[in-house]
Amino acid sequence: MKKIEAIIKPFKLDDVKEKLTEYGIKGITVSEVKGFGRQKGHTELYRGAEYVIDFIPKIKVEVIVPEEMTKDVVEIIMEAAKTGRIGDGKIFVVPVEEVVRIRTGETGEEAL
């Protein structure tokens, strides 16, 4: 199994969720996060004073999938989240050793 973590622009969340659901993904975890990469920060004007905003608001989408679905899910997220502009985000794929459903005790892919 693999854990796919995608850092995306907040307004692309609905598109990503919709495409993953269409593909058959039954559950995702979503977190509001902040960070920066090449996009860096930006300045904003508030009550006449200029402020540097170092961290940009993003959304982190996490999904655990069987290994054979990994490539498809990564492509789906890429297509749904892409705007073609700087700051579109990143996708990380990491191995998952075990999954346990707390309620039933199911393990492995049955727990997904």
C-alpha atoms as a PDB file:
ATOM      1  CA  MET A   1       0.000   0.000   0.000  1.00  0.00           C
ATOM      2  CA  LYS A   2       1.030   3.604  -0.567  1.00  0.00           C
ATOM      3  CA  LYS A   3       0.177   6.896   1.077  1.00  0.00           C
ATOM      4  CA  ILE A   4      -0.256   9.724  -1.380  1.00  0.00           C
ATOM      5  CA  GLU A   5       0.078  13.216   0.083  1.00  0.00           C
ATOM      6  CA  ALA A   6      -0.787  16.119  -2.182  1.00  0.00           C
ATOM      7  CA  ILE A   7      -0.241  19.763  -1.296  1.00  0.00           C
ATOM      8  CA  ILE A   8      -2.614  21.760  -3.497  1.00  0.00           C
ATOM      9  CA  LYS A   9      -4.205  25.195  -3.858  1.00  0.00           C
ATOM     10  CA  PRO A  10      -7.320  25.486  -1.684  1.00  0.00           C
ATOM     11  CA  PHE A  11      -9.694  26.281  -4.550  1.00  0.00           C
ATOM     12  CA  LYS A  12      -8.728  23.014  -6.321  1.00  0.00           C
ATOM     13  CA  LEU A  13      -9.917  20.782  -3.456  1.00  0.00           C
ATOM     14  CA  ASP A  14     -13.422  20.214  -4.833  1.00  0.00           C
ATOM     15  CA  ASP A  15     -12.033  19.215  -8.250  1.00  0.00           C
ATOM     16  CA  VAL A  16      -9.572  16.764  -6.689  1.00  0.00           C
ATOM     17  CA  LYS A  17     -12.207  15.271  -4.368  1.00  0.00           C
ATOM     18  CA  GLU A  18     -14.699  14.866  -7.214  1.00  0.00           C
ATOM     19  CA  LYS A  19     -12.192  13.103  -9.503  1.00  0.00           C
ATOM     20  CA  LEU A  20     -10.958  10.790  -6.735  1.00  0.00           C
ATOM     21  CA  THR A  21     -14.541   9.863  -5.847  1.00  0.00           C
ATOM     22  CA  GLU A  22     -15.324   9.136  -9.514  1.00  0.00           C
ATOM     23  CA  TYR A  23     -12.277   6.856  -9.618  1.00  0.00           C
ATOM     24  CA  GLY A  24     -13.579   4.904  -6.630  1.00  0.00           C
ATOM     25  CA  ILE A  25     -11.581   6.296  -3.718  1.00  0.00           C
ATOM     26  CA  LYS A  26     -13.780   5.870  -0.646  1.00  0.00           C
ATOM     27  CA  GLY A  27     -11.952   8.069   1.844  1.00  0.00           C
ATOM     28  CA  ILE A  28      -9.502  10.951   2.006  1.00  0.00           C
ATOM     29  CA  THR A  29      -8.079  13.111   4.765  1.00  0.00           C
ATOM     30  CA  VAL A  30      -7.875  16.862   4.226  1.00  0.00           C
ATOM     31  CA  SER A  31      -5.892  19.364   6.304  1.00  0.00           C
ATOM     32  CA  GLU A  32      -5.405  23.103   6.037  1.00  0.00           C
ATOM     33  CA  VAL A  33      -1.661  23.770   5.979  1.00  0.00           C
ATOM     34  CA  LYS A  34       0.678  26.661   5.285  1.00  0.00           C
ATOM     35  CA  GLY A  35       4.030  26.698   3.595  1.00  0.00           C
ATOM     36  CA  PHE A  36       6.152  28.058   0.802  1.00  0.00           C
ATOM     37  CA  GLY A  37       8.368  26.818  -1.973  1.00  0.00           C
ATOM     38  CA  ARG A  38       9.396  28.645  -5.103  1.00  0.00           C
ATOM     39  CA  GLN A  39       6.241  30.714  -4.782  1.00  0.00           C
ATOM     40  CA  LYS A  40       7.715  32.341  -1.659  1.00  0.00           C
ATOM     41  CA  GLY A  41       5.527  34.786   0.203  1.00  0.00           C
ATOM     42  CA  HIS A  42       3.916  38.033  -0.774  1.00  0.00           C
ATOM     43  CA  THR A  43       3.138  41.390   0.781  1.00  0.00           C
ATOM     44  CA  GLU A  44      -0.298  42.642   1.771  1.00  0.00           C
ATOM     45  CA  LEU A  45      -1.489  46.076   2.797  1.00  0.00           C
ATOM     46  CA  TYR A  46      -3.546  46.247   6.005  1.00  0.00           C
ATOM     47  CA  ARG A  47      -4.647  49.578   7.475  1.00  0.00           C
ATOM     48  CA  GLY A  48      -1.897  51.424   5.701  1.00  0.00           C
ATOM     49  CA  ALA A  49       0.894  49.098   6.824  1.00  0.00           C
ATOM     50  CA  GLU A  50       2.612  46.572   4.593  1.00  0.00           C
ATOM     51  CA  TYR A  51       2.941  43.013   5.911  1.00  0.00           C
ATOM     52  CA  VAL A  52       4.994  40.161   4.522  1.00  0.00           C
ATOM     53  CA  ILE A  53       3.039  36.923   4.325  1.00  0.00           C
ATOM     54  CA  ASP A  54       5.733  34.224   4.432  1.00  0.00           C
ATOM     55  CA  PHE A  55       3.511  31.159   4.437  1.00  0.00           C
ATOM     56  CA  ILE A  56       0.889  30.562   1.763  1.00  0.00           C
ATOM     57  CA  PRO A  57      -2.342  28.728   2.718  1.00  0.00           C
ATOM     58  CA  LYS A  58      -2.565  25.300   1.074  1.00  0.00           C
ATOM     59  CA  ILE A  59      -4.572  22.117   1.419  1.00  0.00           C
ATOM     60  CA  LYS A  60      -3.003  18.721   2.130  1.00  0.00           C
ATOM     61  CA  VAL A  61      -4.949  15.757   0.773  1.00  0.00           C
ATOM     62  CA  GLU A  62      -3.931  12.312   2.045  1.00  0.00           C
ATOM     63  CA  VAL A  63      -5.144   9.015   0.647  1.00  0.00           C
ATOM     64  CA  ILE A  64      -3.990   5.414   1.180  1.00  0.00           C
ATOM     65  CA  VAL A  65      -4.305   3.139  -1.854  1.00  0.00           C
ATOM     66  CA  PRO A  66      -3.253  -0.353  -2.938  1.00  0.00           C
ATOM     67  CA  GLU A  67       0.075  -0.224  -4.739  1.00  0.00           C
ATOM     68  CA  GLU A  68      -1.458  -0.974  -8.153  1.00  0.00           C
ATOM     69  CA  MET A  69      -3.680   2.148  -7.935  1.00  0.00           C
ATOM     70  CA  THR A  70      -0.852   4.536  -7.059  1.00  0.00           C
ATOM     71  CA  LYS A  71       0.060   5.705 -10.559  1.00  0.00           C
ATOM     72  CA  ASP A  72      -3.583   6.343 -11.524  1.00  0.00           C
ATOM     73  CA  VAL A  73      -4.339   8.285  -8.340  1.00  0.00           C
ATOM     74  CA  VAL A  74      -1.223  10.455  -8.734  1.00  0.00           C
ATOM     75  CA  GLU A  75      -2.234  11.259 -12.330  1.00  0.00           C
ATOM     76  CA  ILE A  76      -5.808  12.055 -11.281  1.00  0.00           C
ATOM     77  CA  ILE A  77      -4.594  14.472  -8.597  1.00  0.00           C
ATOM     78  CA  MET A  78      -2.118  16.083 -10.996  1.00  0.00           C
ATOM     79  CA  GLU A  79      -4.779  16.680 -13.643  1.00  0.00           C
ATOM     80  CA  ALA A  80      -7.403  17.946 -11.174  1.00  0.00           C
ATOM     81  CA  ALA A  81      -5.050  20.244  -9.220  1.00  0.00           C
ATOM     82  CA  LYS A  82      -3.048  21.723 -12.097  1.00  0.00           C
ATOM     83  CA  THR A  83      -3.488  25.380 -13.018  1.00  0.00           C
ATOM     84  CA  GLY A  84      -0.191  25.727 -14.850  1.00  0.00           C
ATOM     85  CA  ARG A  85       0.963  28.483 -12.525  1.00  0.00           C
ATOM     86  CA  ILE A  86       3.605  28.582  -9.825  1.00  0.00           C
ATOM     87  CA  GLY A  87       2.374  27.183  -6.519  1.00  0.00           C
ATOM     88  CA  ASP A  88       0.289  24.313  -7.920  1.00  0.00           C
ATOM     89  CA  GLY A  89       1.831  22.096  -5.250  1.00  0.00           C
ATOM     90  CA  LYS A  90       3.558  18.754  -4.880  1.00  0.00           C
ATOM     91  CA  ILE A  91       2.645  15.094  -4.522  1.00  0.00           C
ATOM     92  CA  PHE A  92       4.537  12.730  -2.233  1.00  0.00           C
ATOM     93  CA  VAL A  93       4.207   8.942  -2.359  1.00  0.00           C
ATOM     94  CA  VAL A  94       5.367   6.944   0.659  1.00  0.00           C
ATOM     95  CA  PRO A  95       5.068   3.257   1.570  1.00  0.00           C
ATOM     96  CA  VAL A  96       2.534   2.166   4.188  1.00  0.00           C
ATOM     97  CA  GLU A  97       3.386  -0.930   6.179  1.00  0.00           C
ATOM     98  CA  GLU A  98       0.016  -1.556   7.801  1.00  0.00           C
ATOM     99  CA  VAL A  99      -3.506  -0.173   8.107  1.00  0.00           C
ATOM    100  CA  VAL A 100      -5.897  -1.146  10.916  1.00  0.00           C
ATOM    101  CA  ARG A 101      -9.587  -0.208  11.054  1.00  0.00           C
ATOM    102  CA  ILE A 102     -10.145   0.583  14.727  1.00  0.00           C
ATOM    103  CA  ARG A 103     -13.850  -0.351  14.827  1.00  0.00           C
ATOM    104  CA  THR A 104     -13.549  -3.858  13.329  1.00  0.00           C
ATOM    105  CA  GLY A 105      -9.879  -4.734  13.672  1.00  0.00           C
ATOM    106  CA  GLU A 106      -9.595  -5.327   9.909  1.00  0.00           C
ATOM    107  CA  THR A 107      -6.074  -4.960   8.587  1.00  0.00           C
ATOM    108  CA  GLY A 108      -4.338  -4.323   5.282  1.00  0.00           C
ATOM    109  CA  GLU A 109      -6.339  -3.469   2.169  1.00  0.00           C
ATOM    110  CA  GLU A 110      -9.582  -4.675   3.832  1.00  0.00           C
ATOM    111  CA  ALA A 111      -9.202  -1.762   6.265  1.00  0.00           C
ATOM    112  CA  LEU A 112      -9.196   0.799   3.472  1.00  0.00           C
END
